[in-house]
């Protein structure tokens, strides 16, 4: 009985991990924030973001974000798995590589989109 319970728990844990391993989060930003020491622009995003887009699920292949807003000048992206991105086109595994769970920031033109694909 204990073996069956352990097997079921392991199966549930692996299924949950697999289902959650292909999400991508994209946030849009318009300006860099001022620091407390002198008011010059710091190298960090000002919160709150302009937009937090719907989470993309790339487990089924390449996905494309919504178009960036008119005030968006850069975006933050974080992927649960190693992925590749392309702004203004369709990503392939050889596009710009993003390591898993490593947030990255990129400049972008308003109205552009970013496509994302898993790149193991």
C-alpha atoms as a PDB file:
ATOM      1  CA  UNK A   1       0.000   0.000   0.000  1.00  0.00           C
ATOM      2  CA  UNK A   2       2.834   2.379   0.882  1.00  0.00           C
ATOM      3  CA  UNK A   3       4.470   1.676  -2.483  1.00  0.00           C
ATOM      4  CA  UNK A   4       1.264   2.620  -4.295  1.00  0.00           C
ATOM      5  CA  UNK A   5       0.983   5.864  -2.329  1.00  0.00           C
ATOM      6  CA  UNK A   6       4.612   6.778  -3.019  1.00  0.00           C
ATOM      7  CA  UNK A   7       4.204   5.941  -6.707  1.00  0.00           C
ATOM      8  CA  UNK A   8       1.054   8.060  -6.923  1.00  0.00           C
ATOM      9  CA  UNK A   9       2.751  10.979  -5.140  1.00  0.00           C
ATOM     10  CA  UNK A  10       5.750  10.776  -7.482  1.00  0.00           C
ATOM     11  CA  UNK A  11       3.485  10.670 -10.527  1.00  0.00           C
ATOM     12  CA  UNK A  12       1.511  13.684  -9.288  1.00  0.00           C
ATOM     13  CA  UNK A  13       4.685  15.627  -8.535  1.00  0.00           C
ATOM     14  CA  UNK A  14       6.194  14.911 -11.954  1.00  0.00           C
ATOM     15  CA  UNK A  15       2.958  15.809 -13.767  1.00  0.00           C
ATOM     16  CA  UNK A  16       2.672  19.109 -11.904  1.00  0.00           C
ATOM     17  CA  UNK A  17       6.306  19.988 -12.654  1.00  0.00           C
ATOM     18  CA  UNK A  18       5.924  19.095 -16.342  1.00  0.00           C
ATOM     19  CA  UNK A  19       2.756  21.146 -16.726  1.00  0.00           C
ATOM     20  CA  UNK A  20       4.325  24.193 -15.083  1.00  0.00           C
ATOM     21  CA  UNK A  21       7.622  24.038 -16.945  1.00  0.00           C
ATOM     22  CA  UNK A  22       6.761  25.955 -20.094  1.00  0.00           C
ATOM     23  CA  UNK A  23       5.314  29.269 -18.986  1.00  0.00           C
ATOM     24  CA  UNK A  24       6.641  32.674 -20.083  1.00  0.00           C
ATOM     25  CA  UNK A  25       5.949  35.997 -18.376  1.00  0.00           C
ATOM     26  CA  UNK A  26       6.250  39.330 -20.214  1.00  0.00           C
ATOM     27  CA  UNK A  27       5.971  42.774 -18.577  1.00  0.00           C
ATOM     28  CA  UNK A  28       6.112  46.106 -20.412  1.00  0.00           C
ATOM     29  CA  UNK A  29       7.895  49.239 -19.106  1.00  0.00           C
ATOM     30  CA  UNK A  30       8.126  52.818 -20.348  1.00  0.00           C
ATOM     31  CA  UNK A  31      10.869  54.556 -18.341  1.00  0.00           C
ATOM     32  CA  UNK A  32      13.781  53.827 -16.032  1.00  0.00           C
ATOM     33  CA  UNK A  33      13.164  54.834 -12.436  1.00  0.00           C
ATOM     34  CA  UNK A  34      15.061  57.524 -10.530  1.00  0.00           C
ATOM     35  CA  UNK A  35      17.362  56.526  -7.683  1.00  0.00           C
ATOM     36  CA  UNK A  36      17.198  58.043  -4.194  1.00  0.00           C
ATOM     37  CA  UNK A  37      20.717  59.482  -4.532  1.00  0.00           C
ATOM     38  CA  UNK A  38      20.522  62.380  -6.929  1.00  0.00           C
ATOM     39  CA  UNK A  39      17.491  61.557  -9.038  1.00  0.00           C
ATOM     40  CA  UNK A  40      19.440  60.131 -11.987  1.00  0.00           C
ATOM     41  CA  UNK A  41      17.975  57.197 -13.828  1.00  0.00           C
ATOM     42  CA  UNK A  42      18.892  53.877 -12.256  1.00  0.00           C
ATOM     43  CA  UNK A  43      19.292  50.684 -14.189  1.00  0.00           C
ATOM     44  CA  UNK A  44      16.113  49.036 -12.983  1.00  0.00           C
ATOM     45  CA  UNK A  45      12.501  48.865 -13.994  1.00  0.00           C
ATOM     46  CA  UNK A  46      10.016  51.231 -12.366  1.00  0.00           C
ATOM     47  CA  UNK A  47       7.108  49.383 -10.773  1.00  0.00           C
ATOM     48  CA  UNK A  48       4.321  48.951 -11.407  1.00  0.00           C
ATOM     49  CA  UNK A  49       4.804  47.831 -14.968  1.00  0.00           C
ATOM     50  CA  UNK A  50       2.643  49.380 -17.672  1.00  0.00           C
ATOM     51  CA  UNK A  51       1.257  45.952 -18.615  1.00  0.00           C
ATOM     52  CA  UNK A  52       1.696  42.386 -17.439  1.00  0.00           C
ATOM     53  CA  UNK A  53       0.740  40.383 -20.479  1.00  0.00           C
ATOM     54  CA  UNK A  54      -1.087  37.071 -20.328  1.00  0.00           C
ATOM     55  CA  UNK A  55       1.272  34.221 -19.556  1.00  0.00           C
ATOM     56  CA  UNK A  56       2.355  32.331 -22.665  1.00  0.00           C
ATOM     57  CA  UNK A  57       2.433  28.526 -22.675  1.00  0.00           C
ATOM     58  CA  UNK A  58       5.153  27.326 -25.056  1.00  0.00           C
ATOM     59  CA  UNK A  59       4.743  23.616 -24.300  1.00  0.00           C
ATOM     60  CA  UNK A  60       2.972  23.187 -27.659  1.00  0.00           C
ATOM     61  CA  UNK A  61       5.466  25.192 -29.723  1.00  0.00           C
ATOM     62  CA  UNK A  62       6.137  28.801 -30.623  1.00  0.00           C
ATOM     63  CA  UNK A  63       3.846  31.467 -29.143  1.00  0.00           C
ATOM     64  CA  UNK A  64       3.653  35.216 -29.822  1.00  0.00           C
ATOM     65  CA  UNK A  65       2.949  37.971 -27.314  1.00  0.00           C
ATOM     66  CA  UNK A  66       0.309  40.636 -27.663  1.00  0.00           C
ATOM     67  CA  UNK A  67       1.494  43.822 -29.387  1.00  0.00           C
ATOM     68  CA  UNK A  68       3.391  46.136 -27.041  1.00  0.00           C
ATOM     69  CA  UNK A  69       1.581  49.311 -25.992  1.00  0.00           C
ATOM     70  CA  UNK A  70       2.250  52.812 -27.313  1.00  0.00           C
ATOM     71  CA  UNK A  71       4.210  53.808 -24.171  1.00  0.00           C
ATOM     72  CA  UNK A  72       6.322  50.644 -23.999  1.00  0.00           C
ATOM     73  CA  UNK A  73      10.046  51.164 -24.587  1.00  0.00           C
ATOM     74  CA  UNK A  74      11.388  47.954 -23.066  1.00  0.00           C
ATOM     75  CA  UNK A  75      10.102  44.658 -21.711  1.00  0.00           C
ATOM     76  CA  UNK A  76      11.075  42.031 -19.164  1.00  0.00           C
ATOM     77  CA  UNK A  77      10.818  38.354 -20.011  1.00  0.00           C
ATOM     78  CA  UNK A  78      11.315  35.282 -17.847  1.00  0.00           C
ATOM     79  CA  UNK A  79      10.885  31.694 -19.014  1.00  0.00           C
ATOM     80  CA  UNK A  80      10.562  28.552 -16.882  1.00  0.00           C
ATOM     81  CA  UNK A  81      12.585  26.605 -19.421  1.00  0.00           C
ATOM     82  CA  UNK A  82      15.457  27.634 -21.652  1.00  0.00           C
ATOM     83  CA  UNK A  83      13.838  29.378 -24.598  1.00  0.00           C
ATOM     84  CA  UNK A  84      14.634  31.460 -27.652  1.00  0.00           C
ATOM     85  CA  UNK A  85      12.949  34.746 -28.583  1.00  0.00           C
ATOM     86  CA  UNK A  86      12.597  36.931 -31.638  1.00  0.00           C
ATOM     87  CA  UNK A  87      11.097  40.417 -31.781  1.00  0.00           C
ATOM     88  CA  UNK A  88       9.069  41.138 -34.908  1.00  0.00           C
ATOM     89  CA  UNK A  89       9.206  37.624 -36.343  1.00  0.00           C
ATOM     90  CA  UNK A  90       8.856  33.954 -35.541  1.00  0.00           C
ATOM     91  CA  UNK A  91      11.326  32.511 -33.032  1.00  0.00           C
ATOM     92  CA  UNK A  92      13.291  29.371 -33.842  1.00  0.00           C
ATOM     93  CA  UNK A  93      15.494  27.400 -31.436  1.00  0.00           C
ATOM     94  CA  UNK A  94      18.490  29.283 -32.877  1.00  0.00           C
ATOM     95  CA  UNK A  95      17.051  32.760 -32.133  1.00  0.00           C
ATOM     96  CA  UNK A  96      18.222  34.826 -29.119  1.00  0.00           C
ATOM     97  CA  UNK A  97      18.670  32.357 -26.250  1.00  0.00           C
ATOM     98  CA  UNK A  98      17.178  33.039 -22.801  1.00  0.00           C
ATOM     99  CA  UNK A  99      18.338  30.752 -19.954  1.00  0.00           C
ATOM    100  CA  UNK A 100      15.648  29.220 -17.748  1.00  0.00           C
ATOM    101  CA  UNK A 101      14.462  31.360 -14.834  1.00  0.00           C
ATOM    102  CA  UNK A 102      16.766  34.274 -15.752  1.00  0.00           C
ATOM    103  CA  UNK A 103      14.842  37.521 -16.242  1.00  0.00           C
ATOM    104  CA  UNK A 104      16.053  39.601 -19.197  1.00  0.00           C
ATOM    105  CA  UNK A 105      15.225  43.146 -20.331  1.00  0.00           C
ATOM    106  CA  UNK A 106      15.140  44.285 -23.955  1.00  0.00           C
ATOM    107  CA  UNK A 107      14.390  47.560 -25.703  1.00  0.00           C
ATOM    108  CA  UNK A 108      11.466  47.425 -28.116  1.00  0.00           C
ATOM    109  CA  UNK A 109       9.377  49.619 -30.377  1.00  0.00           C
ATOM    110  CA  UNK A 110       5.712  50.190 -29.483  1.00  0.00           C
ATOM    111  CA  UNK A 111       3.425  47.855 -31.435  1.00  0.00           C
ATOM    112  CA  UNK A 112       6.072  45.132 -31.842  1.00  0.00           C
ATOM    113  CA  UNK A 113       5.571  41.565 -30.620  1.00  0.00           C
ATOM    114  CA  UNK A 114       7.950  38.915 -29.296  1.00  0.00           C
ATOM    115  CA  UNK A 115       7.680  35.257 -30.181  1.00  0.00           C
ATOM    116  CA  UNK A 116       9.020  32.549 -27.888  1.00  0.00           C
ATOM    117  CA  UNK A 117       9.890  28.878 -28.371  1.00  0.00           C
ATOM    118  CA  UNK A 118      11.460  26.287 -26.075  1.00  0.00           C
ATOM    119  CA  UNK A 119      15.120  25.789 -26.948  1.00  0.00           C
ATOM    120  CA  UNK A 120      16.408  22.796 -24.985  1.00  0.00           C
END
